[in-house]
């Protein structure tokens, strides 16, 4: 129920299939929530708390093109964009 669990599932799928982390320890839902909170503190993610869900709504705090540019510069994360 909510956005964060769906984002967590998608993140784990991307890490397994595109980055080759199938044998690595993937973040738990709680760890993903903590990461989102830290990214929210830096304003890279905007977190909107809702009374109807225990998980916040997530929005980017920057332009999507800026994210893609930054990911392309990282040798590990750029594999997710192929």
Protein backbone atom coordinates (compact mmCIF):
# COMPACT_ATOMS: atom_id res chain seq x y z
CA UNK A 1 0.00 0.00 0.00
CA UNK A 2 1.55 3.28 -1.07
CA UNK A 3 4.28 4.60 -3.31
CA UNK A 4 7.42 3.65 -1.37
CA UNK A 5 6.79 -0.13 -1.49
CA UNK A 6 6.27 0.09 -5.26
CA UNK A 7 9.45 2.17 -5.65
CA UNK A 8 11.33 -0.34 -3.48
CA UNK A 9 10.19 -3.27 -5.66
CA UNK A 10 11.21 -1.41 -8.83
CA UNK A 11 14.60 -0.45 -7.35
CA UNK A 12 15.34 -4.06 -6.40
CA UNK A 13 14.28 -5.27 -9.86
CA UNK A 14 16.56 -2.72 -11.53
CA UNK A 15 19.48 -3.58 -9.28
CA UNK A 16 19.06 -7.30 -9.94
CA UNK A 17 18.58 -7.16 -13.70
CA UNK A 18 20.52 -4.14 -14.94
CA UNK A 19 23.34 -3.70 -12.48
CA UNK A 20 23.98 -7.37 -11.79
CA UNK A 21 23.50 -7.27 -8.04
CA UNK A 22 21.51 -10.49 -7.87
CA UNK A 23 23.85 -11.97 -5.26
CA UNK A 24 24.32 -8.75 -3.31
CA UNK A 25 22.26 -7.69 -0.32
CA UNK A 26 19.47 -5.46 -1.57
CA UNK A 27 18.01 -2.75 0.66
CA UNK A 28 15.03 -3.66 2.81
CA UNK A 29 11.89 -1.55 2.65
CA UNK A 30 12.92 0.15 5.90
CA UNK A 31 16.39 0.91 4.49
CA UNK A 32 14.81 2.28 1.31
CA UNK A 33 12.61 4.50 3.48
CA UNK A 34 15.68 5.76 5.32
CA UNK A 35 17.42 6.48 1.99
CA UNK A 36 14.36 8.38 0.78
CA UNK A 37 14.37 10.38 4.00
CA UNK A 38 18.04 11.31 3.59
CA UNK A 39 17.44 12.27 -0.05
CA UNK A 40 14.47 14.32 1.14
CA UNK A 41 16.72 16.15 3.61
CA UNK A 42 18.91 17.21 0.68
CA UNK A 43 15.83 18.12 -1.41
CA UNK A 44 16.84 15.68 -4.17
CA UNK A 45 13.54 13.95 -3.42
CA UNK A 46 10.43 15.77 -2.31
CA UNK A 47 8.38 13.78 0.20
CA UNK A 48 4.70 14.58 0.62
CA UNK A 49 3.20 12.92 3.67
CA UNK A 50 -0.39 11.80 3.31
CA UNK A 51 -2.91 11.03 6.01
CA UNK A 52 -4.36 8.23 3.86
CA UNK A 53 -1.08 6.28 3.54
CA UNK A 54 1.72 5.49 5.92
CA UNK A 55 4.23 6.06 3.08
CA UNK A 56 5.00 9.48 1.60
CA UNK A 57 4.48 10.37 -2.03
CA UNK A 58 7.86 10.75 -3.75
CA UNK A 59 8.70 13.39 -6.35
CA UNK A 60 12.01 14.41 -7.86
CA UNK A 61 13.45 17.65 -6.53
CA UNK A 62 15.25 18.28 -9.83
CA UNK A 63 14.75 17.92 -13.54
CA UNK A 64 14.72 14.29 -14.82
CA UNK A 65 17.37 15.19 -17.42
CA UNK A 66 19.74 16.14 -14.58
CA UNK A 67 19.23 12.72 -12.98
CA UNK A 68 19.90 10.93 -16.26
CA UNK A 69 23.04 13.00 -16.82
CA UNK A 70 24.34 12.14 -13.34
CA UNK A 71 23.54 8.43 -13.76
CA UNK A 72 25.30 8.29 -17.13
CA UNK A 73 28.48 9.57 -15.44
CA UNK A 74 28.49 6.66 -12.96
CA UNK A 75 29.96 3.44 -14.37
CA UNK A 76 27.76 1.18 -12.24
CA UNK A 77 24.47 3.06 -12.36
CA UNK A 78 24.71 3.90 -16.08
CA UNK A 79 23.91 0.24 -16.79
CA UNK A 80 20.33 0.89 -15.68
CA UNK A 81 19.85 3.32 -18.55
CA UNK A 82 20.81 0.92 -21.37
